[in-house]
C-alpha atoms as a PDB file:
ATOM      1  CA  MET A   1      46.314 -44.496   0.055  1.00  0.00           C
ATOM      2  CA  LYS A   2      44.396 -46.677   2.380  1.00  0.00           C
ATOM      3  CA  LYS A   3      44.257 -44.300   4.894  1.00  0.00           C
ATOM      4  CA  VAL A   4      43.363 -41.139   1.689  1.00  0.00           C
ATOM      5  CA  LEU A   5      40.902 -43.659   1.281  1.00  0.00           C
ATOM      6  CA  PHE A   6      39.003 -43.843   4.651  1.00  0.00           C
ATOM      7  CA  LEU A   7      39.431 -40.091   4.717  1.00  0.00           C
ATOM      8  CA  LEU A   8      38.298 -39.606   1.262  1.00  0.00           C
ATOM      9  CA  VAL A   9      34.700 -41.650   1.260  1.00  0.00           C
ATOM     10  CA  PRO A  10      33.258 -40.605   4.323  1.00  0.00           C
ATOM     11  CA  MET A  11      34.052 -36.633   2.983  1.00  0.00           C
ATOM     12  CA  ILE A  12      32.394 -37.515  -0.436  1.00  0.00           C
ATOM     13  CA  PHE A  13      29.547 -38.890   1.743  1.00  0.00           C
ATOM     14  CA  LEU A  14      29.394 -35.787   3.955  1.00  0.00           C
ATOM     15  CA  THR A  15      29.324 -33.647   0.981  1.00  0.00           C
ATOM     16  CA  ALA A  16      26.352 -35.458  -0.524  1.00  0.00           C
ATOM     17  CA  ALA A  17      24.322 -35.079   2.470  1.00  0.00           C
ATOM     18  CA  CYS A  18      25.083 -31.458   3.170  1.00  0.00           C
ATOM     19  CA  GLY A  19      24.565 -30.299  -0.323  1.00  0.00           C
ATOM     20  CA  GLY A  20      21.453 -32.386  -0.786  1.00  0.00           C
ATOM     21  CA  GLY A  21      17.394 -30.706  -1.266  1.00  0.00           C
ATOM     22  CA  ASN A  22      15.631 -29.625  -3.702  1.00  0.00           C
ATOM     23  CA  GLN A  23      17.124 -26.466  -5.321  1.00  0.00           C
ATOM     24  CA  ALA A  24      13.590 -24.525  -5.735  1.00  0.00           C
ATOM     25  CA  ASP A  25      14.039 -24.628  -2.046  1.00  0.00           C
ATOM     26  CA  SER A  26      17.477 -22.788  -1.939  1.00  0.00           C
ATOM     27  CA  GLU A  27      16.378 -19.981  -4.854  1.00  0.00           C
ATOM     28  CA  PRO A  28      15.080 -16.975  -3.795  1.00  0.00           C
ATOM     29  CA  GLU A  29      11.564 -16.238  -4.037  1.00  0.00           C
ATOM     30  CA  ALA A  30      10.218 -14.144  -6.905  1.00  0.00           C
ATOM     31  CA  ASP A  31       9.315 -10.005  -5.327  1.00  0.00           C
ATOM     32  CA  THR A  32       5.613 -11.003  -5.786  1.00  0.00           C
ATOM     33  CA  ALA A  33       4.380  -7.356  -4.885  1.00  0.00           C
ATOM     34  CA  ALA A  34       1.668  -6.353  -7.455  1.00  0.00           C
ATOM     35  CA  ALA A  35       2.681  -3.508 -10.243  1.00  0.00           C
ATOM     36  CA  PRO A  36       0.816  -0.537  -9.127  1.00  0.00           C
ATOM     37  CA  THR A  37      -2.112   0.894 -11.204  1.00  0.00           C
ATOM     38  CA  THR A  38      -4.341   3.883 -11.614  1.00  0.00           C
ATOM     39  CA  GLU A  39      -7.364   1.474 -10.428  1.00  0.00           C
ATOM     40  CA  THR A  40      -9.261   2.464  -7.555  1.00  0.00           C
ATOM     41  CA  THR A  41      -9.826   0.250  -4.774  1.00  0.00           C
ATOM     42  CA  ASP A  42     -12.606   1.189  -2.036  1.00  0.00           C
ATOM     43  CA  THR A  43     -12.904  -1.221   0.326  1.00  0.00           C
ATOM     44  CA  PRO A  44     -15.235  -0.188   2.912  1.00  0.00           C
ATOM     45  CA  THR A  45     -16.087  -2.477   5.792  1.00  0.00           C
ATOM     46  CA  SER A  46     -19.569  -3.974   6.250  1.00  0.00           C
ATOM     47  CA  GLU A  47     -21.091  -1.924   8.548  1.00  0.00           C
ATOM     48  CA  GLY A  48     -18.933   1.271   7.962  1.00  0.00           C
ATOM     49  CA  VAL A  49     -18.601   4.213   5.503  1.00  0.00           C
ATOM     50  CA  ASP A  50     -17.706   4.366   1.541  1.00  0.00           C
ATOM     51  CA  ILE A  51     -14.852   6.506   0.784  1.00  0.00           C
ATOM     52  CA  ALA A  52     -14.583   7.668  -2.503  1.00  0.00           C
ATOM     53  CA  LEU A  53     -11.670  10.083  -4.044  1.00  0.00           C
ATOM     54  CA  VAL A  54     -14.186  12.854  -5.913  1.00  0.00           C
ATOM     55  CA  SER A  55     -10.532  15.274  -6.762  1.00  0.00           C
ATOM     56  CA  PRO A  56      -9.128  14.518  -8.910  1.00  0.00           C
ATOM     57  CA  GLU A  57     -11.167  12.524 -11.004  1.00  0.00           C
ATOM     58  CA  ASP A  58      -8.214  10.468 -12.833  1.00  0.00           C
ATOM     59  CA  ALA A  59      -6.436  10.265  -9.532  1.00  0.00           C
ATOM     60  CA  SER A  60      -3.200  12.435 -12.009  1.00  0.00           C
ATOM     61  CA  LEU A  61      -1.534  14.933 -10.263  1.00  0.00           C
ATOM     62  CA  PRO A  62       1.026  17.345 -10.650  1.00  0.00           C
ATOM     63  CA  MET A  63       4.567  16.929  -8.639  1.00  0.00           C
ATOM     64  CA  GLY A  64       4.491  19.202  -5.532  1.00  0.00           C
ATOM     65  CA  ASP A  65       1.839  20.547  -3.489  1.00  0.00           C
ATOM     66  CA  ALA A  66      -1.847  19.137  -4.291  1.00  0.00           C
ATOM     67  CA  GLU A  67      -5.098  19.210  -2.845  1.00  0.00           C
ATOM     68  CA  LEU A  68      -7.513  15.853  -2.669  1.00  0.00           C
ATOM     69  CA  LEU A  69     -11.012  15.907  -2.058  1.00  0.00           C
ATOM     70  CA  LEU A  70     -12.355  12.883  -0.332  1.00  0.00           C
ATOM     71  CA  GLN A  71     -16.302  11.722   0.102  1.00  0.00           C
ATOM     72  CA  VAL A  72     -17.772  10.085   2.730  1.00  0.00           C
ATOM     73  CA  ALA A  73     -20.987   8.472   2.294  1.00  0.00           C
ATOM     74  CA  ASP A  74     -23.024   6.176   4.506  1.00  0.00           C
ATOM     75  CA  PRO A  75     -23.667   3.012   2.167  1.00  0.00           C
ATOM     76  CA  ALA A  76     -27.017   2.042   2.886  1.00  0.00           C
ATOM     77  CA  THR A  77     -28.480   5.484   1.885  1.00  0.00           C
ATOM     78  CA  GLY A  78     -25.846   7.188   0.218  1.00  0.00           C
ATOM     79  CA  GLU A  79     -26.072  10.117   2.217  1.00  0.00           C
ATOM     80  CA  PRO A  80     -23.132  11.846   3.364  1.00  0.00           C
ATOM     81  CA  VAL A  81     -21.234  11.166   6.572  1.00  0.00           C
ATOM     82  CA  ALA A  82     -19.496  13.723   8.924  1.00  0.00           C
ATOM     83  CA  LEU A  83     -16.629  11.500  10.720  1.00  0.00           C
ATOM     84  CA  GLU A  84     -14.302  12.516  14.467  1.00  0.00           C
ATOM     85  CA  ASN A  85     -11.401  11.395  12.444  1.00  0.00           C
ATOM     86  CA  LEU A  86     -10.065  10.533   9.089  1.00  0.00           C
ATOM     87  CA  GLU A  87      -6.697   9.146   8.663  1.00  0.00           C
ATOM     88  CA  VAL A  88      -4.793   9.359   5.597  1.00  0.00           C
ATOM     89  CA  ASP A  89      -1.366   7.779   4.758  1.00  0.00           C
ATOM     90  CA  LEU A  90       0.486   8.844   1.624  1.00  0.00           C
ATOM     91  CA  SER A  91       3.516   6.544   0.349  1.00  0.00           C
ATOM     92  CA  MET A  92       5.636   5.639  -2.927  1.00  0.00           C
ATOM     93  CA  GLY A  93       7.083   1.938  -2.936  1.00  0.00           C
ATOM     94  CA  MET A  94      10.906   2.131  -3.667  1.00  0.00           C
ATOM     95  CA  ASP A  95      12.436  -1.015  -4.923  1.00  0.00           C
ATOM     96  CA  GLY A  96      15.273  -2.466  -2.296  1.00  0.00           C
ATOM     97  CA  MET A  97      14.357   0.634   0.144  1.00  0.00           C
ATOM     98  CA  GLU A  98      11.545   1.439   2.587  1.00  0.00           C
ATOM     99  CA  PRO A  99       8.833   3.026   0.892  1.00  0.00           C
ATOM    100  CA  MET A 100       8.652   7.138   0.601  1.00  0.00           C
ATOM    101  CA  THR A 101       6.159   8.834   2.557  1.00  0.00           C
ATOM    102  CA  THR A 102       4.730  12.011   2.993  1.00  0.00           C
ATOM    103  CA  MET A 103       2.958  14.317   5.877  1.00  0.00           C
ATOM    104  CA  THR A 104      -0.498  15.086   5.298  1.00  0.00           C
ATOM    105  CA  MET A 105      -3.443  17.468   6.642  1.00  0.00           C
ATOM    106  CA  VAL A 106      -7.238  16.508   6.595  1.00  0.00           C
ATOM    107  CA  GLU A 107      -9.963  19.557   6.956  1.00  0.00           C
ATOM    108  CA  PRO A 108     -13.711  19.262   6.540  1.00  0.00           C
ATOM    109  CA  GLY A 109     -14.527  20.143   3.296  1.00  0.00           C
ATOM    110  CA  GLU A 110     -17.154  22.581   2.489  1.00  0.00           C
ATOM    111  CA  GLN A 111     -20.153  19.916   1.991  1.00  0.00           C
ATOM    112  CA  PRO A 112     -21.014  17.502   4.809  1.00  0.00           C
ATOM    113  CA  GLY A 113     -19.178  14.532   4.227  1.00  0.00           C
ATOM    114  CA  GLU A 114     -16.042  16.027   2.449  1.00  0.00           C
ATOM    115  CA  TYR A 115     -12.682  16.068   3.135  1.00  0.00           C
ATOM    116  CA  LYS A 116      -9.803  18.235   1.880  1.00  0.00           C
ATOM    117  CA  VAL A 117      -6.476  16.214   1.789  1.00  0.00           C
ATOM    118  CA  MET A 118      -3.486  18.703   1.640  1.00  0.00           C
ATOM    119  CA  THR A 119       0.186  17.126   0.777  1.00  0.00           C
ATOM    120  CA  ASN A 120       3.280  17.544  -1.105  1.00  0.00           C
ATOM    121  CA  LEU A 121       4.259  14.716  -3.665  1.00  0.00           C
ATOM    122  CA  GLY A 122       7.657  15.560  -3.779  1.00  0.00           C
ATOM    123  CA  MET A 123       8.912  12.595  -7.071  1.00  0.00           C
ATOM    124  CA  ALA A 124       6.747  11.551  -9.860  1.00  0.00           C
ATOM    125  CA  GLY A 125       5.575   8.381  -9.875  1.00  0.00           C
ATOM    126  CA  MET A 126       2.692   5.977  -8.359  1.00  0.00           C
ATOM    127  CA  TRP A 127       1.920   6.925  -4.798  1.00  0.00           C
ATOM    128  CA  THR A 128      -0.354   4.928  -2.341  1.00  0.00           C
ATOM    129  CA  MET A 129      -3.289   6.767  -0.707  1.00  0.00           C
ATOM    130  CA  GLU A 130      -4.694   4.327   1.949  1.00  0.00           C
ATOM    131  CA  VAL A 131      -7.695   5.994   4.080  1.00  0.00           C
ATOM    132  CA  THR A 132      -9.102   5.098   7.599  1.00  0.00           C
ATOM    133  CA  SER A 133     -11.848   5.866   9.117  1.00  0.00           C
ATOM    134  CA  ALA A 134     -10.779   6.115  12.917  1.00  0.00           C
ATOM    135  CA  ASP A 135     -14.377   6.799  13.599  1.00  0.00           C
ATOM    136  CA  PRO A 136     -15.302   3.914  15.953  1.00  0.00           C
ATOM    137  CA  ALA A 137     -18.840   4.638  15.073  1.00  0.00           C
ATOM    138  CA  MET A 138     -18.092   4.517  11.029  1.00  0.00           C
ATOM    139  CA  PRO A 139     -15.322   2.297  10.132  1.00  0.00           C
ATOM    140  CA  GLY A 140     -13.632   2.288   6.652  1.00  0.00           C
ATOM    141  CA  GLU A 141     -10.681   2.019   4.637  1.00  0.00           C
ATOM    142  CA  ALA A 142     -10.011   2.699   1.007  1.00  0.00           C
ATOM    143  CA  THR A 143      -6.827   2.610  -0.862  1.00  0.00           C
ATOM    144  CA  PHE A 144      -6.065   4.936  -4.115  1.00  0.00           C
ATOM    145  CA  GLU A 145      -3.429   4.342  -6.458  1.00  0.00           C
ATOM    146  CA  LEU A 146      -2.259   8.716  -7.391  1.00  0.00           C
ATOM    147  CA  ASP A 147      -0.294   8.706 -10.808  1.00  0.00           C
ATOM    148  CA  VAL A 148       2.261  11.833  -9.647  1.00  0.00           C
ATOM    149  CA  GLN A 149       4.150  13.437 -12.947  1.00  0.00           C
END
């Protein structure tokens, strides 16, 4: 009986020591990803360019082939700016998986500072379009939420 008691007491202390701690520390963190919105977030750098989504005006598109129109302007003057390279990335967040992406093709538009973005949006839902000026002389970036139906 004494042997069992000598084994049982240290086991109780060992279990208490290993199992202790704050339960809040061991709980998984809640998903803090913000819910997508239809708002446009235009975030140019201070010495960079402003990038705006001209078409579609309401950021709503049908599923399938799509053409979007972007306008790039000098924030100081509001005048259109032609860039050497404008990068456009489109993605759709997927619960528990990597985001869905799609290819884009960017061409200069009919007016100075305009850029056409051609793509195919293969699934309905909220898509995020991240636009970045890769022109070192005129940096800038903007993020747009697109509602694909």
